[in-house]
Amino acid sequence: MNRTAAIALVVAAGVVIAMQAPVNGRLGRQIGTLQAATVSFLVGTAALVAITAAFGDGGIGAISGAHRAPWWALIGGLLGAFYVAVALLTVRTLGATVLTALVVSSQLVTALLLDRLGLFGLTQRHPTPLQLAGVVLLMAGTVLVIRP
């Protein structure tokens, strides 16, 4: 995949993530918070099973190799469930804007540390001065967004 296509896909994912909390929040008002998180993951799981069966290298059978992965590589769904549950619990209190600002800021700081330390199989990368300045500016922007 070329860089332009990758950037476009990531921007689309960002749009979808911003929509996820209010959409799930609405479902949560209808059926309950944790129930909505469960439905969200069930729908997502069904979609991924269908996509994997249709387009995945090795199809759905390749999942059997998961036992060879390190333990920490198997907790992605748990991490996603934590995010969805927290977003559902907080979106009504904070609103989508504050929720998203805090999530994006904490994601970027964590990603910078993960890259710097080379954790979870990443290649170790030192942040550039411009990247550090970007993080500082994002944090300042987040403070402005979350102020009442």
Protein backbone atom coordinates (compact mmCIF):
# COMPACT_ATOMS: atom_id res chain seq x y z
CA MET A 1 0.00 0.00 0.00
CA ASN A 2 1.35 3.42 -0.85
CA ARG A 3 1.69 6.20 1.73
CA THR A 4 -1.15 8.32 0.32
CA ALA A 5 -3.61 5.43 0.45
CA ALA A 6 -2.46 4.56 3.98
CA ILE A 7 -2.96 8.16 5.14
CA ALA A 8 -6.44 8.26 3.58
CA LEU A 9 -7.43 5.01 5.32
CA VAL A 10 -6.15 6.27 8.68
CA VAL A 11 -8.08 9.54 8.29
CA ALA A 12 -11.21 7.50 7.52
CA ALA A 13 -10.54 5.40 10.64
CA GLY A 14 -10.26 8.59 12.68
CA VAL A 15 -13.64 9.75 11.39
CA VAL A 16 -15.17 6.40 12.27
CA ILE A 17 -13.64 6.37 15.76
CA ALA A 18 -15.06 9.85 16.45
CA MET A 19 -18.50 8.51 15.49
CA GLN A 20 -18.16 5.32 17.53
CA ALA A 21 -18.71 6.76 21.03
CA PRO A 22 -21.90 8.71 20.28
CA VAL A 23 -23.33 5.85 18.20
CA ASN A 24 -22.59 3.33 20.94
CA GLY A 25 -23.79 5.86 23.54
CA ARG A 26 -27.16 6.01 21.84
CA LEU A 27 -27.39 2.23 21.87
CA GLY A 28 -26.35 2.31 25.53
CA ARG A 29 -29.28 4.56 26.41
CA GLN A 30 -31.55 2.02 24.75
CA ILE A 31 -30.22 -1.24 26.17
CA GLY A 32 -27.60 -0.40 28.84
CA THR A 33 -23.95 0.59 28.72
CA LEU A 34 -22.20 -2.75 28.97
CA GLN A 35 -24.87 -4.41 26.88
CA ALA A 36 -24.21 -1.85 24.15
CA ALA A 37 -20.47 -2.57 24.32
CA THR A 38 -21.26 -6.27 23.96
CA VAL A 39 -23.51 -5.70 20.94
CA SER A 40 -20.86 -3.44 19.40
CA PHE A 41 -18.23 -6.15 19.69
CA LEU A 42 -20.58 -8.88 18.46
CA VAL A 43 -21.42 -6.87 15.34
CA GLY A 44 -17.74 -6.08 14.81
CA THR A 45 -16.77 -9.72 15.29
CA ALA A 46 -19.36 -10.88 12.76
CA ALA A 47 -18.07 -8.31 10.25
CA LEU A 48 -14.45 -9.34 10.79
CA VAL A 49 -15.26 -13.05 10.45
CA ALA A 50 -16.95 -12.38 7.11
CA ILE A 51 -14.11 -10.14 5.87
CA THR A 52 -11.46 -12.65 7.00
CA ALA A 53 -13.28 -15.55 5.35
CA ALA A 54 -13.58 -13.62 2.09
CA PHE A 55 -10.27 -11.78 1.88
CA GLY A 56 -7.86 -12.96 4.60
CA ASP A 57 -4.67 -14.80 3.63
CA GLY A 58 -5.36 -18.37 4.73
CA GLY A 59 -8.99 -17.55 5.45
CA ILE A 60 -10.55 -18.07 8.84
CA GLY A 61 -8.42 -21.19 9.43
CA ALA A 62 -5.27 -19.09 9.87
CA ILE A 63 -6.65 -18.04 13.27
CA SER A 64 -5.46 -21.39 14.62
CA GLY A 65 -1.90 -20.01 14.62
CA ALA A 66 -2.76 -17.44 17.31
CA HIS A 67 -1.42 -19.74 20.02
CA ARG A 68 2.11 -19.13 18.71
CA ALA A 69 1.89 -15.37 19.36
CA PRO A 70 3.30 -13.84 22.55
CA TRP A 71 0.69 -13.44 25.30
CA TRP A 72 0.59 -9.67 24.94
CA ALA A 73 -0.33 -9.97 21.26
CA LEU A 74 -3.62 -11.60 22.28
CA ILE A 75 -4.98 -8.75 24.43
CA GLY A 76 -5.92 -6.34 21.63
CA GLY A 77 -9.60 -7.21 21.92
CA LEU A 78 -9.44 -6.65 25.67
CA LEU A 79 -7.84 -3.24 25.11
CA GLY A 80 -10.55 -2.39 22.57
CA ALA A 81 -13.27 -3.53 24.97
CA PHE A 82 -11.82 -1.30 27.68
CA TYR A 83 -11.86 1.70 25.33
CA VAL A 84 -15.43 1.06 24.15
CA ALA A 85 -16.71 0.58 27.71
CA VAL A 86 -14.96 3.74 28.96
CA ALA A 87 -16.21 5.76 25.99
CA LEU A 88 -19.76 4.54 26.60
CA LEU A 89 -19.52 5.41 30.29
CA THR A 90 -18.10 8.89 29.74
CA VAL A 91 -19.46 10.27 26.44
CA ARG A 92 -22.68 11.59 28.01
CA THR A 93 -20.75 13.36 30.74
CA LEU A 94 -17.86 14.71 28.67
CA GLY A 95 -19.36 14.94 25.17
CA ALA A 96 -17.74 13.59 22.01
CA THR A 97 -15.34 16.54 21.65
CA VAL A 98 -13.72 16.29 25.09
CA LEU A 99 -13.69 12.49 24.98
CA THR A 100 -11.97 12.50 21.60
CA ALA A 101 -9.45 15.20 22.58
CA LEU A 102 -8.41 13.24 25.66
CA VAL A 103 -8.24 9.95 23.77
CA VAL A 104 -6.18 11.38 20.90
CA SER A 105 -3.79 13.17 23.25
CA SER A 106 -3.22 10.13 25.42
CA GLN A 107 -2.87 7.95 22.31
CA LEU A 108 -0.19 10.20 20.85
CA VAL A 109 1.83 10.43 24.06
CA THR A 110 1.62 6.66 24.52
CA ALA A 111 2.52 6.01 20.88
CA LEU A 112 5.55 8.29 21.21
CA LEU A 113 6.71 6.27 24.23
CA LEU A 114 6.03 2.94 22.51
CA ASP A 115 8.08 4.02 19.49
CA ARG A 116 10.87 5.44 21.66
CA LEU A 117 11.14 2.27 23.74
CA GLY A 118 10.49 -0.13 20.86
CA LEU A 119 7.78 -1.96 22.79
CA PHE A 120 5.42 -4.64 21.43
CA GLY A 121 7.68 -5.47 18.50
CA LEU A 122 8.02 -1.91 17.20
CA THR A 123 11.30 -0.65 15.80
CA GLN A 124 12.82 1.77 18.28
CA ARG A 125 12.48 5.34 16.99
CA HIS A 126 13.66 8.52 18.62
CA PRO A 127 11.14 11.38 18.44
CA THR A 128 12.20 14.35 16.37
CA PRO A 129 12.06 17.87 17.79
CA LEU A 130 9.11 18.58 15.48
CA GLN A 131 7.26 15.52 16.79
CA LEU A 132 7.86 16.62 20.36
CA ALA A 133 6.65 20.13 19.50
CA GLY A 134 3.55 18.60 17.92
CA VAL A 135 2.81 16.63 21.08
CA VAL A 136 3.22 19.75 23.22
CA LEU A 137 0.89 21.71 20.93
CA LEU A 138 -1.66 18.89 20.94
CA MET A 139 -1.57 18.78 24.74
CA ALA A 140 -2.07 22.57 24.86
CA GLY A 141 -4.99 22.23 22.46
CA THR A 142 -6.48 19.48 24.59
CA VAL A 143 -6.32 21.70 27.67
CA LEU A 144 -8.20 24.39 25.74
CA VAL A 145 -10.81 21.90 24.54
CA ILE A 146 -11.50 20.36 27.96
CA ARG A 147 -11.74 23.63 29.89
CA PRO A 148 -15.33 24.38 30.87
